[in-house]
Amino acid sequence: MARGTNLPEDEAVEVLAPRANPHLRGHEAAERELRRLTEAGRLPHAILLCGPRGIGKATLAFRLARFLLARSGDGFGDGDGGLAIDPEQSVFHRVASGGHADLLTVERTYDPRRRRLRSEILVEDTREIAGFFRLTAAEEGWRIVIVDGAEEMNRNAANALLKILEEPPRRALLLLVSHSPGRLLPTIRSRCRRFPLMAPARSVLMQLLGLYRPELAKAEAEALAELSEGSIGRALELAGAGGLAIYRSLLDMLLQMPRMDIAQLYTFTDKVARPEAEDSYRAAEMLLSQFLARMVARAARRQFEDEGFLAGEREVMQRLTARADPARWAALRDQIDQGFTNTDQLNLDRRQAMLGAFFAIEEMAR
């Protein structure tokens, strides 16, 4: 077994950024195929790694990049058919620190005016790729670019990338990471070899939660696994943001419909919409949208007697769906999601966005 492939079973493991993470589970088939193509000299010039958010797509992209750069540098992958290299190798450390001359990462940049990440990848970011690919590889091997969150490119950025894909340089690899490939230009998708990745099995997710967050009680880990829908990244984000407590608060307020406790609602929105509560706000935003989606899906399939509900969910969902049909709730969910998107893009008041979402639910429930 290649060193760095598996997590130790007897101790907690630090959660690392994708570029520095030596651990990956659940995507062994994709690893084997990427290695096979590499060793056969048939690796495509552009690869699209797609699948749900937070399942390890970016981690796999950096894993492949390290493997290729090690083959042209000071280390080699192991013989198990995967892409892991020794974490002690110089290549590993340089990729982890962002200091490898033959690897460029493109992602959303920081907006100092709004003091947050930009909502899109700009054309200046993708134009940098062309200049990077024109350079000679520092170590006479691959030149690799990873675009993390490729669906976040704006139109101009996407067109600039398309020009590169139309005339790919030799020994250059473009890795696009996307949880929403349908938002990419069809001409970009058609020029990439697509690797669709699936969320890991529930058992794998529980193992990872036990390793990364061993302090969680089993019931908490199971609830996070259910809410994260197979995404270890989302599960860890929720754990860090107090997502279970936020979800319980959401259910408690929704249970009161069609009349809410206004004081409770204002206390909740004040708490999650504070400037320093970015993670809590994102968790509340996502959990509210996800609750409505789960409710609509169950109502449409009439599955309110099945297992799989979290504590309190069934009663809330049955109460709300008795007051409006699934199609109307689905339309309201789209409306609420668009309101949250507009709030981000226009830098509007988050507290008002959250209040507006609950008032819209209250109106629908009357």
Protein backbone atom coordinates (compact mmCIF):
# COMPACT_ATOMS: atom_id res chain seq x y z
CA MET A 1 0.00 0.00 0.00
CA ALA A 2 1.41 3.38 -0.97
CA ARG A 3 2.44 5.56 1.89
CA GLY A 4 -0.12 8.32 2.43
CA THR A 5 -2.96 6.37 0.82
CA ASN A 6 -4.77 5.38 4.00
CA LEU A 7 -5.52 7.23 7.18
CA PRO A 8 -4.11 5.92 10.44
CA GLU A 9 -6.71 3.99 12.38
CA ASP A 10 -5.58 4.87 15.89
CA GLU A 11 -5.41 8.65 16.02
CA ALA A 12 -7.20 11.79 14.90
CA VAL A 13 -6.02 13.27 11.61
CA GLU A 14 -5.72 16.96 10.84
CA VAL A 15 -8.07 18.16 8.09
CA LEU A 16 -5.80 19.59 5.41
CA ALA A 17 -6.40 21.74 2.33
CA PRO A 18 -6.61 19.68 -0.89
CA ARG A 19 -3.13 20.71 -2.05
CA ALA A 20 -1.59 19.38 1.20
CA ASN A 21 -3.85 16.40 1.89
CA PRO A 22 -2.19 12.99 1.40
CA HIS A 23 -5.43 11.14 2.20
CA LEU A 24 -8.18 10.16 -0.21
CA ARG A 25 -10.87 7.49 0.02
CA GLY A 26 -13.67 6.40 -2.25
CA HIS A 27 -12.11 7.26 -5.64
CA GLU A 28 -9.79 4.34 -6.17
CA ALA A 29 -11.24 3.46 -9.59
CA ALA A 30 -10.59 6.96 -10.92
CA GLU A 31 -7.05 6.86 -9.53
CA ARG A 32 -6.32 3.57 -11.23
CA GLU A 33 -7.65 4.81 -14.58
CA LEU A 34 -5.66 8.05 -14.40
CA ARG A 35 -2.51 6.11 -13.62
CA ARG A 36 -3.19 3.66 -16.43
CA LEU A 37 -3.57 6.50 -18.92
CA THR A 38 -0.39 8.12 -17.64
CA GLU A 39 1.70 4.98 -17.96
CA ALA A 40 0.24 4.26 -21.41
CA GLY A 41 1.18 7.76 -22.59
CA ARG A 42 -2.49 8.54 -23.28
CA LEU A 43 -3.26 11.11 -20.59
CA PRO A 44 -5.62 13.75 -22.09
CA HIS A 45 -4.48 17.38 -22.22
CA ALA A 46 -7.62 18.45 -20.32
CA ILE A 47 -9.51 16.56 -17.60
CA LEU A 48 -12.80 17.50 -15.95
CA LEU A 49 -13.21 16.11 -12.43
CA CYS A 50 -16.87 16.58 -11.55
CA GLY A 51 -19.25 15.48 -8.82
CA PRO A 52 -20.90 16.77 -5.66
CA ARG A 53 -19.19 19.45 -3.61
CA GLY A 54 -16.77 18.34 -0.93
CA ILE A 55 -16.18 14.70 -1.96
CA GLY A 56 -12.46 15.01 -2.77
CA LYS A 57 -12.33 16.26 -6.39
CA ALA A 58 -9.69 18.92 -5.70
CA THR A 59 -7.77 16.48 -3.49
CA LEU A 60 -7.67 14.05 -6.42
CA ALA A 61 -6.54 16.83 -8.78
CA PHE A 62 -3.57 17.72 -6.57
CA ARG A 63 -2.87 14.02 -6.04
CA LEU A 64 -2.56 13.52 -9.81
CA ALA A 65 -0.47 16.68 -10.15
CA ARG A 66 1.98 15.48 -7.49
CA PHE A 67 2.22 12.07 -9.12
CA LEU A 68 3.06 13.55 -12.53
CA LEU A 69 5.50 16.10 -11.15
CA ALA A 70 7.22 13.41 -9.06
CA ARG A 71 7.68 11.23 -12.14
CA SER A 72 9.63 14.05 -13.78
CA GLY A 73 11.40 15.07 -10.57
CA ASP A 74 12.72 13.41 -7.46
CA GLY A 75 10.17 10.74 -6.61
CA PHE A 76 7.80 8.17 -8.07
CA GLY A 77 4.39 6.79 -7.24
CA ASP A 78 4.06 3.40 -5.64
CA GLY A 79 3.18 0.24 -7.47
CA ASP A 80 -0.36 -0.25 -6.10
CA GLY A 81 -2.08 1.34 -9.08
CA GLY A 82 -2.91 4.57 -7.26
CA LEU A 83 -1.46 8.07 -7.39
CA ALA A 84 -0.07 8.50 -3.88
CA ILE A 85 3.54 9.60 -3.41
CA ASP A 86 5.58 9.72 -0.24
CA PRO A 87 4.55 12.83 1.77
CA GLU A 88 8.22 13.30 2.65
CA GLN A 89 9.16 13.90 -0.98
CA SER A 90 10.24 17.40 -1.98
CA VAL A 91 7.53 17.47 -4.65
CA PHE A 92 4.84 16.90 -2.04
CA HIS A 93 6.07 19.77 0.15
CA ARG A 94 6.42 22.19 -2.76
CA VAL A 95 2.92 21.46 -4.03
CA ALA A 96 1.51 21.78 -0.51
CA SER A 97 3.14 25.18 -0.03
CA GLY A 98 2.15 26.45 -3.47
CA GLY A 99 5.80 26.73 -4.41
CA HIS A 100 6.18 24.27 -7.30
CA ALA A 101 7.25 26.14 -10.44
CA ASP A 102 5.40 23.75 -12.77
CA LEU A 103 2.01 23.92 -11.06
CA LEU A 104 -0.44 26.82 -11.24
CA THR A 105 -3.71 26.94 -9.30
CA VAL A 106 -6.57 29.18 -10.46
CA GLU A 107 -9.54 29.86 -8.20
CA ARG A 108 -11.64 32.75 -6.93
CA THR A 109 -9.48 35.52 -5.53
CA TYR A 110 -9.99 37.76 -2.52
CA ASP A 111 -11.92 41.01 -2.98
CA PRO A 112 -10.42 43.56 -0.56
CA ARG A 113 -13.34 45.94 -1.00
CA ARG A 114 -15.96 43.43 0.11
CA ARG A 115 -13.52 41.59 2.37
CA ARG A 116 -14.51 38.19 1.04
CA LEU A 117 -13.80 35.89 -1.88
CA ARG A 118 -15.09 37.11 -5.22
CA SER A 119 -18.21 35.40 -6.53
CA GLU A 120 -16.50 34.44 -9.80
CA ILE A 121 -13.17 33.69 -11.45
CA LEU A 122 -12.11 36.67 -13.56
CA VAL A 123 -10.62 36.80 -17.05
CA GLU A 124 -7.30 38.03 -15.63
CA ASP A 125 -7.04 34.76 -13.72
CA THR A 126 -7.48 32.52 -16.77
CA ARG A 127 -5.27 34.66 -18.99
CA GLU A 128 -2.44 33.82 -16.62
CA ILE A 129 -2.77 30.20 -17.76
CA ALA A 130 -1.69 30.99 -21.34
CA GLY A 131 1.48 32.70 -20.15
CA PHE A 132 2.21 29.86 -17.76
CA PHE A 133 1.87 27.22 -20.49
CA ARG A 134 4.21 29.16 -22.80
CA LEU A 135 7.05 28.75 -20.31
CA THR A 136 9.41 25.79 -20.46
CA ALA A 137 8.88 23.33 -17.62
CA ALA A 138 11.37 24.05 -14.84
CA GLU A 139 11.97 20.32 -14.32
CA GLU A 140 11.63 19.17 -17.95
CA GLY A 141 8.33 17.44 -17.28
CA TRP A 142 4.70 18.48 -17.11
CA ARG A 143 3.23 21.95 -16.80
CA ILE A 144 -0.02 21.58 -14.85
CA VAL A 145 -2.86 23.99 -14.15
CA ILE A 146 -5.68 23.24 -11.71
CA VAL A 147 -8.83 25.37 -11.99
CA ASP A 148 -10.67 24.77 -8.73
CA GLY A 149 -14.33 25.72 -9.02
CA ALA A 150 -14.27 25.92 -12.81
CA GLU A 151 -18.01 26.63 -13.00
CA GLU A 152 -17.30 29.95 -11.25
CA MET A 153 -15.51 31.40 -14.31
CA ASN A 154 -17.37 34.37 -15.76
CA ARG A 155 -18.06 34.46 -19.48
CA ASN A 156 -14.86 36.27 -20.42
CA ALA A 157 -12.76 33.97 -18.26
CA ALA A 158 -14.38 30.90 -19.82
CA ASN A 159 -13.76 32.20 -23.35
CA ALA A 160 -10.10 32.85 -22.52
CA LEU A 161 -9.78 29.28 -21.26
CA LEU A 162 -11.47 27.93 -24.38
CA LYS A 163 -8.78 29.48 -26.58
CA ILE A 164 -6.15 27.55 -24.62
CA LEU A 165 -8.10 24.31 -25.00
CA GLU A 166 -8.33 24.79 -28.76
CA GLU A 167 -4.53 24.72 -29.11
CA PRO A 168 -3.18 22.79 -26.11
CA PRO A 169 0.60 22.92 -25.62
CA ARG A 170 2.62 19.73 -25.51
CA ARG A 171 3.21 18.20 -22.04
CA ALA A 172 0.65 20.56 -20.56
CA LEU A 173 -2.28 19.34 -18.45
CA LEU A 174 -5.36 21.32 -17.50
CA LEU A 175 -7.37 19.92 -14.58
CA LEU A 176 -10.84 21.42 -14.16
CA VAL A 177 -12.58 20.75 -10.85
CA SER A 178 -16.32 21.37 -10.87
CA HIS A 179 -19.35 20.46 -8.75
CA SER A 180 -21.66 21.97 -11.40
CA PRO A 181 -20.26 21.10 -14.84
CA GLY A 182 -23.53 22.06 -16.51
CA ARG A 183 -22.57 25.70 -15.92
CA LEU A 184 -19.44 25.32 -18.05
CA LEU A 185 -19.52 26.20 -21.73
CA PRO A 186 -20.44 23.12 -23.79
CA THR A 187 -17.36 23.74 -25.92
CA ILE A 188 -15.18 23.52 -22.81
CA ARG A 189 -16.84 20.30 -21.65
CA SER A 190 -16.46 18.73 -25.09
CA ARG A 191 -12.69 19.33 -25.07
CA CYS A 192 -12.14 17.62 -21.71
CA ARG A 193 -12.00 13.98 -20.70
CA ARG A 194 -14.69 13.75 -18.06
CA PHE A 195 -14.21 11.85 -14.81
CA PRO A 196 -17.50 11.88 -12.85
CA LEU A 197 -16.87 11.16 -9.18
CA MET A 198 -19.52 9.85 -6.82
CA ALA A 199 -20.02 10.63 -3.16
CA PRO A 200 -18.39 7.94 -1.01
CA ALA A 201 -20.50 5.24 0.62
CA ARG A 202 -22.10 6.04 3.96
CA SER A 203 -19.72 3.63 5.70
CA VAL A 204 -16.68 5.46 4.26
CA LEU A 205 -18.11 8.81 5.33
CA MET A 206 -18.63 7.55 8.88
CA GLN A 207 -15.06 6.25 8.96
CA LEU A 208 -13.73 9.62 7.83
CA LEU A 209 -15.80 11.49 10.41
CA GLY A 210 -14.49 9.15 13.08
CA LEU A 211 -10.93 9.88 12.02
CA TYR A 212 -11.19 13.63 11.46
CA ARG A 213 -13.64 14.37 14.31
CA PRO A 214 -13.31 11.51 16.82
CA GLU A 215 -14.90 13.59 19.59
CA LEU A 216 -18.31 13.43 17.89
CA ALA A 217 -20.88 11.12 19.43
CA LYS A 218 -22.19 8.43 17.09
CA ALA A 219 -25.62 10.08 16.85
CA GLU A 220 -24.01 13.41 15.91
CA ALA A 221 -21.81 11.78 13.28
CA GLU A 222 -24.82 9.97 11.80
CA ALA A 223 -26.81 13.23 11.65
CA LEU A 224 -23.91 15.02 9.95
CA ALA A 225 -23.58 12.16 7.46
CA GLU A 226 -27.29 12.47 6.63
CA LEU A 227 -27.18 16.26 6.22
CA SER A 228 -23.97 16.21 4.21
CA GLU A 229 -25.40 13.82 1.60
CA GLY A 230 -22.12 11.95 1.22
CA SER A 231 -19.83 14.98 1.22
CA ILE A 232 -17.07 14.74 3.81
CA GLY A 233 -16.17 18.36 3.12
CA ARG A 234 -19.69 19.51 3.89
CA ALA A 235 -19.92 17.29 6.97
CA LEU A 236 -16.74 18.81 8.39
CA GLU A 237 -17.89 22.33 7.57
CA LEU A 238 -21.17 21.71 9.38
CA ALA A 239 -19.36 20.23 12.36
CA GLY A 240 -17.09 23.26 12.57
CA ALA A 241 -19.93 25.76 12.20
CA GLY A 242 -22.22 24.15 14.77
CA GLY A 243 -24.46 22.95 11.96
CA LEU A 244 -26.47 20.50 14.04
CA ALA A 245 -27.46 23.22 16.53
CA ILE A 246 -28.36 25.52 13.64
CA TYR A 247 -30.50 22.81 12.05
CA ARG A 248 -32.32 22.16 15.32
CA SER A 249 -33.07 25.90 15.55
CA LEU A 250 -34.38 25.91 11.99
CA LEU A 251 -36.68 22.96 12.66
CA ASP A 252 -37.91 24.51 15.89
CA MET A 253 -38.90 27.73 14.11
CA LEU A 254 -40.44 25.92 11.15
CA LEU A 255 -42.51 23.74 13.49
CA GLN A 256 -44.29 26.86 14.70
CA MET A 257 -45.62 27.70 11.23
CA PRO A 258 -47.85 29.37 10.23
CA ARG A 259 -47.10 31.60 13.21
CA MET A 260 -43.49 32.17 14.19
CA ASP A 261 -41.97 33.39 17.40
CA ILE A 262 -40.65 36.69 16.03
CA ALA A 263 -38.30 37.24 18.96
CA GLN A 264 -36.76 33.79 18.41
CA LEU A 265 -36.39 34.47 14.68
CA TYR A 266 -34.69 37.83 15.25
CA THR A 267 -32.34 36.31 17.80
CA PHE A 268 -31.41 33.57 15.34
CA THR A 269 -30.84 35.89 12.38
CA ASP A 270 -28.82 38.33 14.50
CA LYS A 271 -26.57 35.46 15.50
CA VAL A 272 -25.90 33.96 12.07
CA ALA A 273 -25.73 37.22 10.10
CA ARG A 274 -22.94 38.85 12.13
CA PRO A 275 -19.91 39.77 9.97
CA GLU A 276 -17.71 37.41 11.96
CA ALA A 277 -20.21 34.51 11.64
CA GLU A 278 -19.52 33.68 7.99
CA ASP A 279 -19.48 29.90 8.54
CA SER A 280 -22.70 29.96 10.57
CA TYR A 281 -24.49 32.03 7.94
CA ARG A 282 -23.38 29.70 5.15
CA ALA A 283 -24.50 26.70 7.16
CA ALA A 284 -27.93 28.24 7.86
CA GLU A 285 -28.36 29.22 4.22
CA MET A 286 -27.47 25.75 2.98
CA LEU A 287 -29.47 23.87 5.62
CA LEU A 288 -32.65 25.87 5.01
CA SER A 289 -32.44 25.27 1.26
CA GLN A 290 -31.62 21.60 1.81
CA PHE A 291 -34.54 21.14 4.22
CA LEU A 292 -36.97 22.47 1.61
CA ALA A 293 -35.46 20.21 -1.06
CA ARG A 294 -35.71 17.15 1.20
CA MET A 295 -39.28 18.03 2.07
CA VAL A 296 -40.33 18.46 -1.57
CA ALA A 297 -38.69 15.18 -2.60
CA ARG A 298 -40.35 13.21 0.20
CA ALA A 299 -43.73 14.82 -0.37
CA ALA A 300 -43.60 14.08 -4.10
CA ARG A 301 -42.78 10.43 -3.39
CA ARG A 302 -45.11 10.21 -0.37
CA GLN A 303 -42.28 8.86 1.78
CA PHE A 304 -43.16 10.32 5.15
CA GLU A 305 -43.34 6.90 6.75
CA ASP A 306 -39.86 5.80 5.67
CA GLU A 307 -36.72 5.80 7.78
CA GLY A 308 -34.01 8.37 7.28
CA PHE A 309 -35.55 11.35 9.04
CA LEU A 310 -33.50 13.35 11.50
CA ALA A 311 -35.07 14.15 14.87
CA GLY A 312 -38.01 16.50 14.37
CA GLU A 313 -37.94 16.52 10.56
CA ARG A 314 -40.95 14.32 9.87
CA GLU A 315 -43.36 16.39 11.95
CA VAL A 316 -42.21 19.69 10.42
CA MET A 317 -42.37 18.36 6.87
CA GLN A 318 -45.82 16.86 7.30
CA ARG A 319 -47.14 20.06 8.84
CA LEU A 320 -45.82 22.26 6.02
CA THR A 321 -46.75 20.00 3.10
CA ALA A 322 -50.31 19.84 4.41
CA ARG A 323 -50.55 23.59 3.73
CA ALA A 324 -49.19 23.75 0.17
CA ASP A 325 -48.41 21.23 -2.57
CA PRO A 326 -44.82 20.18 -3.41
CA ALA A 327 -44.68 22.24 -6.61
CA ARG A 328 -45.35 25.48 -4.72
CA TRP A 329 -42.73 24.61 -2.09
CA ALA A 330 -40.23 23.81 -4.85
CA ALA A 331 -40.88 27.19 -6.47
CA LEU A 332 -40.44 28.92 -3.12
CA ARG A 333 -37.15 27.11 -2.54
CA ASP A 334 -35.88 28.41 -5.91
CA GLN A 335 -37.02 31.91 -4.94
CA ILE A 336 -35.22 31.73 -1.59
CA ASP A 337 -32.03 30.39 -3.20
CA GLN A 338 -32.09 33.23 -5.72
CA GLY A 339 -32.53 35.71 -2.88
CA PHE A 340 -29.43 34.33 -1.13
CA THR A 341 -27.48 34.48 -4.41
CA ASN A 342 -28.51 38.08 -5.03
CA THR A 343 -27.52 38.98 -1.49
CA ASP A 344 -24.01 37.67 -2.11
CA GLN A 345 -23.57 39.17 -5.56
CA LEU A 346 -24.90 42.62 -4.62
CA ASN A 347 -23.43 42.65 -1.11
CA LEU A 348 -26.88 43.10 0.47
CA ASP A 349 -27.89 42.72 4.11
CA ARG A 350 -27.65 39.04 5.07
CA ARG A 351 -29.93 39.45 8.06
CA GLN A 352 -32.69 40.78 5.84
CA ALA A 353 -32.15 37.92 3.39
CA MET A 354 -32.58 35.33 6.14
CA LEU A 355 -35.61 37.12 7.59
CA GLY A 356 -37.14 37.35 4.12
CA ALA A 357 -36.73 33.61 3.61
CA PHE A 358 -38.58 32.77 6.83
CA PHE A 359 -41.32 35.31 6.21
CA ALA A 360 -41.85 33.81 2.73
CA ILE A 361 -42.19 30.33 4.28
CA GLU A 362 -44.61 31.70 6.86
CA GLU A 363 -46.73 33.27 4.10
CA MET A 364 -46.79 29.99 2.17
CA ALA A 365 -47.86 28.07 5.27
CA ARG A 366 -50.88 30.25 6.00
